[in-house]
Amino acid sequence: KGSGAKSQFKNEVHIAVKWHSKGIAGKLHEIDLDPYQRKLFDDGCT
């Protein structure tokens, strides 16, 4: 949620997005979210 968390992990997030894009499932989309992921997404997690 906070700006500290967003700035601390931003480089790893960029690497993770690239990793996810190369996977079988491809990038994560809102329609793909399971119930727990949806809970986080609704709480502000991107």
All heavy atoms as atom14 arrays in JSON, in Angstrom:
{
  "sequence": "KGSGAKSQFKNEVHIAVKWHSKGIAGKLHEIDLDPYQRKLFDDGCT",
  "atom14_mask": [
    [1, 1, 1, 1, 1, 1, 1, 1, 1, 0, 0, 0, 0, 0],
    [1, 1, 1, 1, 0, 0, 0, 0, 0, 0, 0, 0, 0, 0],
    [1, 1, 1, 1, 1, 1, 0, 0, 0, 0, 0, 0, 0, 0],
    [1, 1, 1, 1, 0, 0, 0, 0, 0, 0, 0, 0, 0, 0],
    [1, 1, 1, 1, 1, 0, 0, 0, 0, 0, 0, 0, 0, 0],
    [1, 1, 1, 1, 1, 1, 1, 1, 1, 0, 0, 0, 0, 0],
    [1, 1, 1, 1, 1, 1, 0, 0, 0, 0, 0, 0, 0, 0],
    [1, 1, 1, 1, 1, 1, 1, 1, 1, 0, 0, 0, 0, 0],
    [1, 1, 1, 1, 1, 1, 1, 1, 1, 1, 1, 0, 0, 0],
    [1, 1, 1, 1, 1, 1, 1, 1, 1, 0, 0, 0, 0, 0],
    [1, 1, 1, 1, 1, 1, 1, 1, 0, 0, 0, 0, 0, 0],
    [1, 1, 1, 1, 1, 1, 1, 1, 1, 0, 0, 0, 0, 0],
    [1, 1, 1, 1, 1, 1, 1, 0, 0, 0, 0, 0, 0, 0],
    [1, 1, 1, 1, 1, 1, 1, 1, 1, 1, 0, 0, 0, 0],
    [1, 1, 1, 1, 1, 1, 1, 1, 0, 0, 0, 0, 0, 0],
    [1, 1, 1, 1, 1, 0, 0, 0, 0, 0, 0, 0, 0, 0],
    [1, 1, 1, 1, 1, 1, 1, 0, 0, 0, 0, 0, 0, 0],
    [1, 1, 1, 1, 1, 1, 1, 1, 1, 0, 0, 0, 0, 0],
    [1, 1, 1, 1, 1, 1, 1, 1, 1, 1, 1, 1, 1, 1],
    [1, 1, 1, 1, 1, 1, 1, 1, 1, 1, 0, 0, 0, 0],
    [1, 1, 1, 1, 1, 1, 0, 0, 0, 0, 0, 0, 0, 0],
    [1, 1, 1, 1, 1, 1, 1, 1, 1, 0, 0, 0, 0, 0],
    [1, 1, 1, 1, 0, 0, 0, 0, 0, 0, 0, 0, 0, 0],
    [1, 1, 1, 1, 1, 1, 1, 1, 0, 0, 0, 0, 0, 0],
    [1, 1, 1, 1, 1, 0, 0, 0, 0, 0, 0, 0, 0, 0],
    [1, 1, 1, 1, 0, 0, 0, 0, 0, 0, 0, 0, 0, 0],
    [1, 1, 1, 1, 1, 1, 1, 1, 1, 0, 0, 0, 0, 0],
    [1, 1, 1, 1, 1, 1, 1, 1, 0, 0, 0, 0, 0, 0],
    [1, 1, 1, 1, 1, 1, 1, 1, 1, 1, 0, 0, 0, 0],
    [1, 1, 1, 1, 1, 1, 1, 1, 1, 0, 0, 0, 0, 0],
    [1, 1, 1, 1, 1, 1, 1, 1, 0, 0, 0, 0, 0, 0],
    [1, 1, 1, 1, 1, 1, 1, 1, 0, 0, 0, 0, 0, 0],
    [1, 1, 1, 1, 1, 1, 1, 1, 0, 0, 0, 0, 0, 0],
    [1, 1, 1, 1, 1, 1, 1, 1, 0, 0, 0, 0, 0, 0],
    [1, 1, 1, 1, 1, 1, 1, 0, 0, 0, 0, 0, 0, 0],
    [1, 1, 1, 1, 1, 1, 1, 1, 1, 1, 1, 1, 0, 0],
    [1, 1, 1, 1, 1, 1, 1, 1, 1, 0, 0, 0, 0, 0],
    [1, 1, 1, 1, 1, 1, 1, 1, 1, 1, 1, 0, 0, 0],
    [1, 1, 1, 1, 1, 1, 1, 1, 1, 0, 0, 0, 0, 0],
    [1, 1, 1, 1, 1, 1, 1, 1, 0, 0, 0, 0, 0, 0],
    [1, 1, 1, 1, 1, 1, 1, 1, 1, 1, 1, 0, 0, 0],
    [1, 1, 1, 1, 1, 1, 1, 1, 0, 0, 0, 0, 0, 0],
    [1, 1, 1, 1, 1, 1, 1, 1, 0, 0, 0, 0, 0, 0],
    [1, 1, 1, 1, 0, 0, 0, 0, 0, 0, 0, 0, 0, 0],
    [1, 1, 1, 1, 1, 1, 0, 0, 0, 0, 0, 0, 0, 0],
    [1, 1, 1, 1, 1, 1, 1, 0, 0, 0, 0, 0, 0, 0]
  ],
  "atom14_positions": [
    [[0.79, -1.24, 0.0], [0.0, 0.0, 0.0], [0.82, 1.28, 0.0], [0.55, 2.21, -0.76], [-0.95, 0.0, 1.2], [-2.3, -0.59, 0.9], [-3.29, -0.25, 2.0], [-4.68, -0.71, 1.61], [-5.67, -0.43, 2.67], [0.0, 0.0, 0.0], [0.0, 0.0, 0.0], [0.0, 0.0, 0.0], [0.0, 0.0, 0.0], [0.0, 0.0, 0.0]],
    [[1.8, 1.38, 0.87], [2.48, 2.65, 1.1], [3.56, 2.95, 0.06], [4.0, 2.09, -0.69], [0.0, 0.0, 0.0], [0.0, 0.0, 0.0], [0.0, 0.0, 0.0], [0.0, 0.0, 0.0], [0.0, 0.0, 0.0], [0.0, 0.0, 0.0], [0.0, 0.0, 0.0], [0.0, 0.0, 0.0], [0.0, 0.0, 0.0], [0.0, 0.0, 0.0]],
    [[4.01, 4.19, 0.06], [5.06, 4.6, -0.88], [6.38, 3.93, -0.55], [7.21, 3.7, -1.44], [5.22, 6.13, -0.86], [5.65, 6.58, 0.42], [0.0, 0.0, 0.0], [0.0, 0.0, 0.0], [0.0, 0.0, 0.0], [0.0, 0.0, 0.0], [0.0, 0.0, 0.0], [0.0, 0.0, 0.0], [0.0, 0.0, 0.0], [0.0, 0.0, 0.0]],
    [[6.61, 3.59, 0.72], [7.83, 2.88, 1.1], [7.89, 1.5, 0.48], [8.92, 1.09, -0.06], [0.0, 0.0, 0.0], [0.0, 0.0, 0.0], [0.0, 0.0, 0.0], [0.0, 0.0, 0.0], [0.0, 0.0, 0.0], [0.0, 0.0, 0.0], [0.0, 0.0, 0.0], [0.0, 0.0, 0.0], [0.0, 0.0, 0.0], [0.0, 0.0, 0.0]],
    [[6.77, 0.79, 0.53], [6.7, -0.55, -0.08], [6.84, -0.46, -1.59], [7.55, -1.26, -2.22], [5.38, -1.21, 0.28], [0.0, 0.0, 0.0], [0.0, 0.0, 0.0], [0.0, 0.0, 0.0], [0.0, 0.0, 0.0], [0.0, 0.0, 0.0], [0.0, 0.0, 0.0], [0.0, 0.0, 0.0], [0.0, 0.0, 0.0], [0.0, 0.0, 0.0]],
    [[6.19, 0.52, -2.21], [6.25, 0.66, -3.67], [7.66, 0.97, -4.15], [8.13, 0.43, -5.16], [5.28, 1.74, -4.13], [3.8, 1.34, -4.04], [2.91, 2.46, -4.55], [1.45, 2.01, -4.66], [0.84, 1.72, -3.38], [0.0, 0.0, 0.0], [0.0, 0.0, 0.0], [0.0, 0.0, 0.0], [0.0, 0.0, 0.0], [0.0, 0.0, 0.0]],
    [[8.37, 1.84, -3.45], [9.72, 2.22, -3.89], [10.74, 1.13, -3.57], [11.68, 0.91, -4.33], [10.15, 3.53, -3.22], [10.21, 3.38, -1.81], [0.0, 0.0, 0.0], [0.0, 0.0, 0.0], [0.0, 0.0, 0.0], [0.0, 0.0, 0.0], [0.0, 0.0, 0.0], [0.0, 0.0, 0.0], [0.0, 0.0, 0.0], [0.0, 0.0, 0.0]],
    [[10.54, 0.43, -2.44], [11.52, -0.57, -2.01], [11.59, -1.75, -2.99], [12.65, -2.29, -3.24], [11.16, -1.08, -0.61], [12.21, -1.99, 0.02], [13.49, -1.25, 0.34], [13.49, -0.07, 0.69], [14.61, -1.93, 0.21], [0.0, 0.0, 0.0], [0.0, 0.0, 0.0], [0.0, 0.0, 0.0], [0.0, 0.0, 0.0], [0.0, 0.0, 0.0]],
    [[10.44, -2.15, -3.53], [10.39, -3.35, -4.35], [10.22, -3.07, -5.85], [9.99, -3.98, -6.62], [9.24, -4.25, -3.88], [9.28, -4.58, -2.41], [8.2, -4.3, -1.58], [10.41, -5.15, -1.84], [8.25, -4.6, -0.23], [10.47, -5.45, -0.49], [9.38, -5.17, 0.31], [0.0, 0.0, 0.0], [0.0, 0.0, 0.0], [0.0, 0.0, 0.0]],
    [[10.35, -1.81, -6.29], [10.0, -1.47, -7.67], [10.9, -2.18, -8.68], [10.42, -2.59, -9.75], [10.04, 0.04, -7.87], [11.41, 0.69, -7.74], [11.31, 2.19, -8.0], [12.67, 2.86, -7.87], [12.58, 4.32, -8.11], [0.0, 0.0, 0.0], [0.0, 0.0, 0.0], [0.0, 0.0, 0.0], [0.0, 0.0, 0.0], [0.0, 0.0, 0.0]],
    [[12.19, -2.34, -8.39], [13.07, -3.03, -9.33], [12.7, -4.51, -9.46], [12.7, -5.07, -10.56], [14.53, -2.88, -8.89], [15.04, -1.47, -9.1], [14.52, -0.71, -9.92], [16.06, -1.09, -8.34], [0.0, 0.0, 0.0], [0.0, 0.0, 0.0], [0.0, 0.0, 0.0], [0.0, 0.0, 0.0], [0.0, 0.0, 0.0], [0.0, 0.0, 0.0]],
    [[12.41, -5.14, -8.32], [12.0, -6.55, -8.34], [10.65, -6.71, -9.05], [10.43, -7.71, -9.73], [11.92, -7.12, -6.92], [13.23, -7.66, -6.42], [13.05, -8.6, -5.23], [11.9, -8.9, -4.86], [14.07, -9.04, -4.68], [0.0, 0.0, 0.0], [0.0, 0.0, 0.0], [0.0, 0.0, 0.0], [0.0, 0.0, 0.0], [0.0, 0.0, 0.0]],
    [[9.76, -5.75, -8.86], [8.46, -5.81, -9.54], [8.66, -5.79, -11.05], [8.01, -6.55, -11.79], [7.55, -4.64, -9.09], [6.33, -4.53, -10.0], [7.1, -4.84, -7.64], [0.0, 0.0, 0.0], [0.0, 0.0, 0.0], [0.0, 0.0, 0.0], [0.0, 0.0, 0.0], [0.0, 0.0, 0.0], [0.0, 0.0, 0.0], [0.0, 0.0, 0.0]],
    [[9.57, -4.94, -11.53], [9.84, -4.86, -12.96], [10.36, -6.21, -13.49], [9.94, -6.68, -14.55], [10.87, -3.76, -13.23], [11.17, -3.55, -14.68], [10.24, -3.07, -15.58], [12.3, -3.77, -15.39], [10.79, -2.99, -16.78], [12.04, -3.42, -16.7], [0.0, 0.0, 0.0], [0.0, 0.0, 0.0], [0.0, 0.0, 0.0], [0.0, 0.0, 0.0]],
    [[11.26, -6.84, -12.73], [11.79, -8.15, -13.12], [10.67, -9.19, -13.11], [10.57, -10.04, -14.01], [12.92, -8.57, -12.15], [14.12, -7.63, -12.31], [13.34, -10.02, -12.4], [15.18, -7.8, -11.24], [0.0, 0.0, 0.0], [0.0, 0.0, 0.0], [0.0, 0.0, 0.0], [0.0, 0.0, 0.0], [0.0, 0.0, 0.0], [0.0, 0.0, 0.0]],
    [[9.81, -9.13, -12.1], [8.72, -10.1, -11.97], [7.73, -9.99, -13.13], [7.21, -11.01, -13.61], [8.0, -9.9, -10.64], [0.0, 0.0, 0.0], [0.0, 0.0, 0.0], [0.0, 0.0, 0.0], [0.0, 0.0, 0.0], [0.0, 0.0, 0.0], [0.0, 0.0, 0.0], [0.0, 0.0, 0.0], [0.0, 0.0, 0.0], [0.0, 0.0, 0.0]],
    [[7.44, -8.77, -13.57], [6.51, -8.58, -14.69], [7.09, -9.2, -15.96], [6.38, -9.87, -16.73], [6.21, -7.08, -14.89], [5.43, -6.86, -16.19], [5.42, -6.53, -13.71], [0.0, 0.0, 0.0], [0.0, 0.0, 0.0], [0.0, 0.0, 0.0], [0.0, 0.0, 0.0], [0.0, 0.0, 0.0], [0.0, 0.0, 0.0], [0.0, 0.0, 0.0]],
    [[8.4, -9.01, -16.17], [9.05, -9.63, -17.34], [8.99, -11.15, -17.24], [8.73, -11.84, -18.23], [10.52, -9.17, -17.41], [10.7, -7.78, -17.98], [12.2, -7.52, -18.18], [12.41, -6.21, -18.91], [13.86, -5.95, -19.14], [0.0, 0.0, 0.0], [0.0, 0.0, 0.0], [0.0, 0.0, 0.0], [0.0, 0.0, 0.0], [0.0, 0.0, 0.0]],
    [[9.27, -11.67, -16.04], [9.23, -13.12, -15.81], [7.84, -13.67, -16.1], [7.68, -14.69, -16.76], [9.65, -13.42, -14.38], [9.39, -14.83, -13.93], [10.17, -15.93, -14.14], [8.26, -15.28, -13.17], [9.59, -17.04, -13.56], [8.42, -16.67, -12.96], [7.12, -14.65, -12.64], [7.5, -17.43, -12.27], [6.21, -15.41, -11.95], [6.39, -16.78, -11.77]],
    [[6.83, -12.96, -15.6], [5.45, -13.41, -15.77], [5.04, -13.38, -17.24], [4.32, -14.26, -17.73], [4.52, -12.54, -14.94], [3.32, -13.25, -14.43], [2.24, -13.57, -15.22], [3.03, -13.75, -13.21], [1.34, -14.2, -14.49], [1.79, -14.32, -13.27], [0.0, 0.0, 0.0], [0.0, 0.0, 0.0], [0.0, 0.0, 0.0], [0.0, 0.0, 0.0]],
    [[5.51, -12.39, -17.97], [5.16, -12.25, -19.39], [5.69, -13.4, -20.24], [5.1, -13.77, -21.25], [5.71, -10.93, -19.93], [5.16, -9.84, -19.23], [0.0, 0.0, 0.0], [0.0, 0.0, 0.0], [0.0, 0.0, 0.0], [0.0, 0.0, 0.0], [0.0, 0.0, 0.0], [0.0, 0.0, 0.0], [0.0, 0.0, 0.0], [0.0, 0.0, 0.0]],
    [[6.81, -13.96, -19.82], [7.43, -15.06, -20.57], [6.84, -16.43, -20.19], [7.17, -17.43, -20.81], [8.93, -15.06, -20.32], [9.63, -13.85, -20.89], [11.12, -13.86, -20.55], [11.81, -12.62, -21.08], [13.24, -12.6, -20.71], [0.0, 0.0, 0.0], [0.0, 0.0, 0.0], [0.0, 0.0, 0.0], [0.0, 0.0, 0.0], [0.0, 0.0, 0.0]],
    [[6.0, -16.47, -19.15], [5.44, -17.73, -18.7], [4.31, -18.21, -19.6], [3.86, -17.51, -20.51], [0.0, 0.0, 0.0], [0.0, 0.0, 0.0], [0.0, 0.0, 0.0], [0.0, 0.0, 0.0], [0.0, 0.0, 0.0], [0.0, 0.0, 0.0], [0.0, 0.0, 0.0], [0.0, 0.0, 0.0], [0.0, 0.0, 0.0], [0.0, 0.0, 0.0]],
    [[3.82, -19.4, -19.31], [2.75, -20.0, -20.1], [1.47, -19.17, -20.01], [0.76, -18.97, -20.99], [2.47, -21.44, -19.63], [3.7, -22.31, -19.87], [1.27, -22.04, -20.34], [3.6, -23.7, -19.3], [0.0, 0.0, 0.0], [0.0, 0.0, 0.0], [0.0, 0.0, 0.0], [0.0, 0.0, 0.0], [0.0, 0.0, 0.0], [0.0, 0.0, 0.0]],
    [[1.2, -18.66, -18.81], [-0.05, -17.92, -18.6], [0.01, -16.51, -19.15], [-1.02, -15.89, -19.41], [-0.38, -17.88, -17.11], [0.0, 0.0, 0.0], [0.0, 0.0, 0.0], [0.0, 0.0, 0.0], [0.0, 0.0, 0.0], [0.0, 0.0, 0.0], [0.0, 0.0, 0.0], [0.0, 0.0, 0.0], [0.0, 0.0, 0.0], [0.0, 0.0, 0.0]],
    [[1.21, -15.99, -19.35], [1.33, -14.61, -19.79], [1.06, -13.64, -18.65], [1.01, -14.01, -17.48], [0.0, 0.0, 0.0], [0.0, 0.0, 0.0], [0.0, 0.0, 0.0], [0.0, 0.0, 0.0], [0.0, 0.0, 0.0], [0.0, 0.0, 0.0], [0.0, 0.0, 0.0], [0.0, 0.0, 0.0], [0.0, 0.0, 0.0], [0.0, 0.0, 0.0]],
    [[0.9, -12.38, -18.97], [0.66, -11.36, -17.95], [-0.65, -11.64, -17.21], [-1.6, -12.18, -17.77], [0.61, -9.97, -18.56], [1.98, -9.42, -18.92], [1.89, -7.94, -19.29], [3.28, -7.37, -19.55], [3.25, -5.94, -19.88], [0.0, 0.0, 0.0], [0.0, 0.0, 0.0], [0.0, 0.0, 0.0], [0.0, 0.0, 0.0], [0.0, 0.0, 0.0]],
    [[-0.66, -11.21, -15.93], [-1.85, -11.39, -15.1], [-2.87, -10.3, -15.44], [-2.54, -9.13, -15.53], [-1.44, -11.29, -13.63], [-2.44, -11.78, -12.58], [-2.67, -13.27, -12.74], [-1.89, -11.48, -11.18], [0.0, 0.0, 0.0], [0.0, 0.0, 0.0], [0.0, 0.0, 0.0], [0.0, 0.0, 0.0], [0.0, 0.0, 0.0], [0.0, 0.0, 0.0]],
    [[-4.13, -10.72, -15.63], [-5.21, -9.77, -15.9], [-6.26, -9.88, -14.81], [-6.33, -10.89, -14.1], [-5.84, -10.06, -17.27], [-4.89, -9.91, -18.41], [-4.52, -8.69, -18.93], [-4.2, -10.84, -19.12], [-3.65, -8.86, -19.91], [-3.44, -10.16, -20.05], [0.0, 0.0, 0.0], [0.0, 0.0, 0.0], [0.0, 0.0, 0.0], [0.0, 0.0, 0.0]],
    [[-7.06, -8.83, -14.69], [-8.05, -8.8, -13.61], [-8.98, -10.01, -13.66], [-9.39, -10.54, -12.63], [-8.85, -7.5, -13.7], [-9.73, -7.26, -12.5], [-10.41, -5.89, -12.54], [-9.96, -5.01, -13.29], [-11.4, -5.72, -11.79], [0.0, 0.0, 0.0], [0.0, 0.0, 0.0], [0.0, 0.0, 0.0], [0.0, 0.0, 0.0], [0.0, 0.0, 0.0]],
    [[-9.31, -10.47, -14.85], [-10.23, -11.59, -14.98], [-9.62, -12.91, -14.49], [-10.32, -13.87, -14.18], [-10.68, -11.73, -16.46], [-11.91, -12.63, -16.56], [-9.53, -12.26, -17.32], [-12.52, -12.66, -17.94], [0.0, 0.0, 0.0], [0.0, 0.0, 0.0], [0.0, 0.0, 0.0], [0.0, 0.0, 0.0], [0.0, 0.0, 0.0], [0.0, 0.0, 0.0]],
    [[-8.28, -12.95, -14.38], [-7.58, -14.17, -13.97], [-7.49, -14.34, -12.45], [-7.05, -15.38, -11.97], [-6.14, -14.17, -14.52], [-6.11, -14.03, -16.02], [-6.96, -14.64, -16.68], [-5.22, -13.3, -16.53], [0.0, 0.0, 0.0], [0.0, 0.0, 0.0], [0.0, 0.0, 0.0], [0.0, 0.0, 0.0], [0.0, 0.0, 0.0], [0.0, 0.0, 0.0]],
    [[-7.84, -13.33, -11.68], [-7.56, -13.33, -10.24], [-8.37, -14.39, -9.49], [-9.58, -14.54, -9.7], [-7.86, -11.95, -9.65], [-7.11, -10.76, -10.27], [-7.49, -9.48, -9.56], [-5.59, -10.98, -10.22], [0.0, 0.0, 0.0], [0.0, 0.0, 0.0], [0.0, 0.0, 0.0], [0.0, 0.0, 0.0], [0.0, 0.0, 0.0], [0.0, 0.0, 0.0]],
    [[-7.68, -15.1, -8.58], [-8.39, -16.02, -7.68], [-8.97, -15.2, -6.53], [-8.7, -13.99, -6.41], [-7.46, -17.14, -7.21], [-6.27, -16.64, -6.38], [-6.43, -15.64, -5.64], [-5.19, -17.25, -6.47], [0.0, 0.0, 0.0], [0.0, 0.0, 0.0], [0.0, 0.0, 0.0], [0.0, 0.0, 0.0], [0.0, 0.0, 0.0], [0.0, 0.0, 0.0]],
    [[-9.78, -15.8, -5.64], [-10.45, -15.02, -4.58], [-9.48, -14.24, -3.69], [-9.77, -13.08, -3.32], [-11.2, -16.09, -3.79], [-11.5, -17.15, -4.8], [-10.3, -17.17, -5.71], [0.0, 0.0, 0.0], [0.0, 0.0, 0.0], [0.0, 0.0, 0.0], [0.0, 0.0, 0.0], [0.0, 0.0, 0.0], [0.0, 0.0, 0.0], [0.0, 0.0, 0.0]],
    [[-8.34, -14.84, -3.33], [-7.39, -14.12, -2.46], [-6.75, -12.96, -3.22], [-6.61, -11.86, -2.67], [-6.32, -15.08, -1.94], [-5.35, -14.41, -1.0], [-5.71, -14.14, 0.32], [-4.07, -14.02, -1.43], [-4.83, -13.51, 1.19], [-3.2, -13.39, -0.57], [-3.57, -13.14, 0.74], [-2.7, -12.51, 1.6], [0.0, 0.0, 0.0], [0.0, 0.0, 0.0]],
    [[-6.34, -13.2, -4.45], [-5.76, -12.12, -5.25], [-6.77, -10.99, -5.45], [-6.41, -9.81, -5.41], [-5.3, -12.66, -6.61], [-4.11, -13.6, -6.54], [-3.83, -14.26, -7.87], [-4.74, -14.5, -8.67], [-2.56, -14.56, -8.14], [0.0, 0.0, 0.0], [0.0, 0.0, 0.0], [0.0, 0.0, 0.0], [0.0, 0.0, 0.0], [0.0, 0.0, 0.0]],
    [[-8.03, -11.35, -5.66], [-9.09, -10.35, -5.81], [-9.22, -9.51, -4.54], [-9.41, -8.29, -4.6], [-10.41, -11.04, -6.15], [-11.66, -10.17, -6.05], [-11.64, -8.97, -6.95], [-11.62, -9.35, -8.36], [-11.66, -8.44, -9.34], [-11.68, -7.15, -9.07], [-11.64, -8.84, -10.61], [0.0, 0.0, 0.0], [0.0, 0.0, 0.0], [0.0, 0.0, 0.0]],
    [[-9.1, -10.16, -3.39], [-9.18, -9.45, -2.11], [-8.06, -8.41, -2.02], [-8.29, -7.26, -1.6], [-9.08, -10.45, -0.96], [-9.2, -9.85, 0.42], [-9.11, -10.94, 1.48], [-9.23, -10.36, 2.89], [-9.13, -11.41, 3.92], [0.0, 0.0, 0.0], [0.0, 0.0, 0.0], [0.0, 0.0, 0.0], [0.0, 0.0, 0.0], [0.0, 0.0, 0.0]],
    [[-6.84, -8.78, -2.4], [-5.72, -7.85, -2.38], [-5.91, -6.74, -3.4], [-5.65, -5.56, -3.11], [-4.4, -8.59, -2.66], [-3.99, -9.69, -1.69], [-2.57, -10.17, -2.03], [-4.05, -9.24, -0.25], [0.0, 0.0, 0.0], [0.0, 0.0, 0.0], [0.0, 0.0, 0.0], [0.0, 0.0, 0.0], [0.0, 0.0, 0.0], [0.0, 0.0, 0.0]],
    [[-6.38, -7.11, -4.6], [-6.59, -6.14, -5.67], [-7.62, -5.09, -5.24], [-7.43, -3.88, -5.45], [-7.05, -6.86, -6.93], [-7.24, -5.96, -8.12], [-6.14, -5.48, -8.83], [-8.51, -5.6, -8.54], [-6.32, -4.65, -9.94], [-8.69, -4.78, -9.64], [-7.59, -4.3, -10.34], [0.0, 0.0, 0.0], [0.0, 0.0, 0.0], [0.0, 0.0, 0.0]],
    [[-8.7, -5.54, -4.62], [-9.74, -4.61, -4.16], [-9.24, -3.72, -3.03], [-9.79, -2.64, -2.79], [-10.98, -5.39, -3.7], [-11.71, -6.05, -4.87], [-11.47, -5.66, -6.02], [-12.52, -6.98, -4.61], [0.0, 0.0, 0.0], [0.0, 0.0, 0.0], [0.0, 0.0, 0.0], [0.0, 0.0, 0.0], [0.0, 0.0, 0.0], [0.0, 0.0, 0.0]],
    [[-8.2, -4.18, -2.33], [-7.63, -3.4, -1.22], [-6.55, -2.44, -1.68], [-5.98, -1.72, -0.87], [-7.07, -4.36, -0.16], [-6.73, -3.67, 1.13], [-7.59, -2.92, 1.66], [-5.59, -3.84, 1.62], [0.0, 0.0, 0.0], [0.0, 0.0, 0.0], [0.0, 0.0, 0.0], [0.0, 0.0, 0.0], [0.0, 0.0, 0.0], [0.0, 0.0, 0.0]],
    [[-6.24, -2.44, -2.99], [-5.28, -1.47, -3.51], [-4.01, -2.06, -4.09], [-3.15, -1.33, -4.58], [0.0, 0.0, 0.0], [0.0, 0.0, 0.0], [0.0, 0.0, 0.0], [0.0, 0.0, 0.0], [0.0, 0.0, 0.0], [0.0, 0.0, 0.0], [0.0, 0.0, 0.0], [0.0, 0.0, 0.0], [0.0, 0.0, 0.0], [0.0, 0.0, 0.0]],
    [[-3.86, -3.39, -4.06], [-2.69, -4.03, -4.64], [-2.82, -4.03, -6.16], [-3.87, -4.41, -6.7], [-2.57, -5.47, -4.11], [-1.09, -6.33, -4.64], [0.0, 0.0, 0.0], [0.0, 0.0, 0.0], [0.0, 0.0, 0.0], [0.0, 0.0, 0.0], [0.0, 0.0, 0.0], [0.0, 0.0, 0.0], [0.0, 0.0, 0.0], [0.0, 0.0, 0.0]],
    [[-1.78, -3.62, -6.87], [-1.85, -3.55, -8.33], [-1.57, -4.92, -8.96], [-1.04, -5.83, -8.31], [-0.82, -2.55, -8.88], [0.5, -3.05, -8.63], [-0.98, -1.19, -8.21], [0.0, 0.0, 0.0], [0.0, 0.0, 0.0], [0.0, 0.0, 0.0], [0.0, 0.0, 0.0], [0.0, 0.0, 0.0], [0.0, 0.0, 0.0], [0.0, 0.0, 0.0]]
  ]
}
